[in-house]
Amino acid sequence: MSIDGSFVAVEFKREGAKATLLQEKNLQQIIKSGGIASVIDNYESFKEMILELVKKSKRR
């Protein structure tokens, strides 16, 4: 997904689950490349993250 030209990656997990080492490595690479990456384990966290990104996008 892309928001305001920034690549956004979200790793969805069941509640309480963690990303694998490979997934963490890939997310860190996305961040190093200027993208936004996060591990989310519930809908409310996802919704808050997207709303915050959209707010920041509108401020630019």
C-alpha atoms as a PDB file:
ATOM      1  CA  MET A   1       0.000   0.000   0.000  1.00  0.00           C
ATOM      2  CA  SER A   2       1.159   3.569  -0.544  1.00  0.00           C
ATOM      3  CA  ILE A   3       0.115   6.654   1.413  1.00  0.00           C
ATOM      4  CA  ASP A   4       1.211  10.030   0.090  1.00  0.00           C
ATOM      5  CA  GLY A   5       3.976   8.376  -1.907  1.00  0.00           C
ATOM      6  CA  SER A   6       5.376   6.331   0.982  1.00  0.00           C
ATOM      7  CA  PHE A   7       5.394   2.553   0.792  1.00  0.00           C
ATOM      8  CA  VAL A   8       3.510   1.092   3.765  1.00  0.00           C
ATOM      9  CA  ALA A   9       3.911  -2.548   4.807  1.00  0.00           C
ATOM     10  CA  VAL A  10       1.795  -4.144   7.511  1.00  0.00           C
ATOM     11  CA  GLU A  11       2.426  -7.639   8.824  1.00  0.00           C
ATOM     12  CA  PHE A  12      -0.879  -8.875  10.247  1.00  0.00           C
ATOM     13  CA  LYS A  13      -0.668 -11.435  13.049  1.00  0.00           C
ATOM     14  CA  ARG A  14      -3.155 -13.115  15.303  1.00  0.00           C
ATOM     15  CA  GLU A  15      -3.398 -11.376  18.670  1.00  0.00           C
ATOM     16  CA  GLY A  16      -0.203 -11.772  20.659  1.00  0.00           C
ATOM     17  CA  ALA A  17       1.764 -13.379  17.815  1.00  0.00           C
ATOM     18  CA  LYS A  18       5.148 -12.032  16.733  1.00  0.00           C
ATOM     19  CA  ALA A  19       6.746 -11.638  13.325  1.00  0.00           C
ATOM     20  CA  THR A  20       9.255 -14.261  12.246  1.00  0.00           C
ATOM     21  CA  LEU A  21      12.926 -13.337  11.937  1.00  0.00           C
ATOM     22  CA  LEU A  22      12.581 -13.173   8.144  1.00  0.00           C
ATOM     23  CA  GLN A  23       9.521 -10.933   8.412  1.00  0.00           C
ATOM     24  CA  GLU A  24      11.346  -8.633  10.855  1.00  0.00           C
ATOM     25  CA  LYS A  25      14.335  -8.484   8.505  1.00  0.00           C
ATOM     26  CA  ASN A  26      12.076  -7.533   5.584  1.00  0.00           C
ATOM     27  CA  LEU A  27      10.253  -4.884   7.649  1.00  0.00           C
ATOM     28  CA  GLN A  28      13.572  -3.367   8.757  1.00  0.00           C
ATOM     29  CA  GLN A  29      14.725  -3.226   5.129  1.00  0.00           C
ATOM     30  CA  ILE A  30      11.534  -1.374   4.195  1.00  0.00           C
ATOM     31  CA  ILE A  31      12.155   1.138   6.992  1.00  0.00           C
ATOM     32  CA  LYS A  32      15.810   1.592   5.938  1.00  0.00           C
ATOM     33  CA  SER A  33      14.580   2.308   2.410  1.00  0.00           C
ATOM     34  CA  GLY A  34      12.313   5.103   3.637  1.00  0.00           C
ATOM     35  CA  GLY A  35       9.087   3.144   3.895  1.00  0.00           C
ATOM     36  CA  ILE A  36       6.784   2.587   6.834  1.00  0.00           C
ATOM     37  CA  ALA A  37       6.501  -0.916   8.303  1.00  0.00           C
ATOM     38  CA  SER A  38       4.698  -2.339  11.295  1.00  0.00           C
ATOM     39  CA  VAL A  39       3.497  -5.579  12.858  1.00  0.00           C
ATOM     40  CA  ILE A  40      -0.162  -5.381  13.863  1.00  0.00           C
ATOM     41  CA  ASP A  41      -2.053  -7.946  15.925  1.00  0.00           C
ATOM     42  CA  ASN A  42      -5.502  -6.368  16.189  1.00  0.00           C
ATOM     43  CA  TYR A  43      -7.889  -4.286  14.155  1.00  0.00           C
ATOM     44  CA  GLU A  44      -7.903  -1.268  16.488  1.00  0.00           C
ATOM     45  CA  SER A  45      -4.117  -0.877  16.223  1.00  0.00           C
ATOM     46  CA  PHE A  46      -4.364  -1.111  12.440  1.00  0.00           C
ATOM     47  CA  LYS A  47      -7.122   1.493  12.328  1.00  0.00           C
ATOM     48  CA  GLU A  48      -5.152   3.874  14.585  1.00  0.00           C
ATOM     49  CA  MET A  49      -2.023   3.465  12.460  1.00  0.00           C
ATOM     50  CA  ILE A  50      -3.859   4.201   9.206  1.00  0.00           C
ATOM     51  CA  LEU A  51      -5.703   7.192  10.667  1.00  0.00           C
ATOM     52  CA  GLU A  52      -2.404   8.645  11.937  1.00  0.00           C
ATOM     53  CA  LEU A  53      -0.733   8.149   8.547  1.00  0.00           C
ATOM     54  CA  VAL A  54      -3.637   9.836   6.777  1.00  0.00           C
ATOM     55  CA  LYS A  55      -3.501  12.766   9.221  1.00  0.00           C
ATOM     56  CA  LYS A  56       0.224  13.211   8.612  1.00  0.00           C
ATOM     57  CA  SER A  57      -0.360  12.989   4.876  1.00  0.00           C
ATOM     58  CA  LYS A  58      -2.942  15.792   4.987  1.00  0.00           C
ATOM     59  CA  ARG A  59      -0.533  18.055   6.922  1.00  0.00           C
ATOM     60  CA  ARG A  60       2.049  17.956   4.118  1.00  0.00           C
END
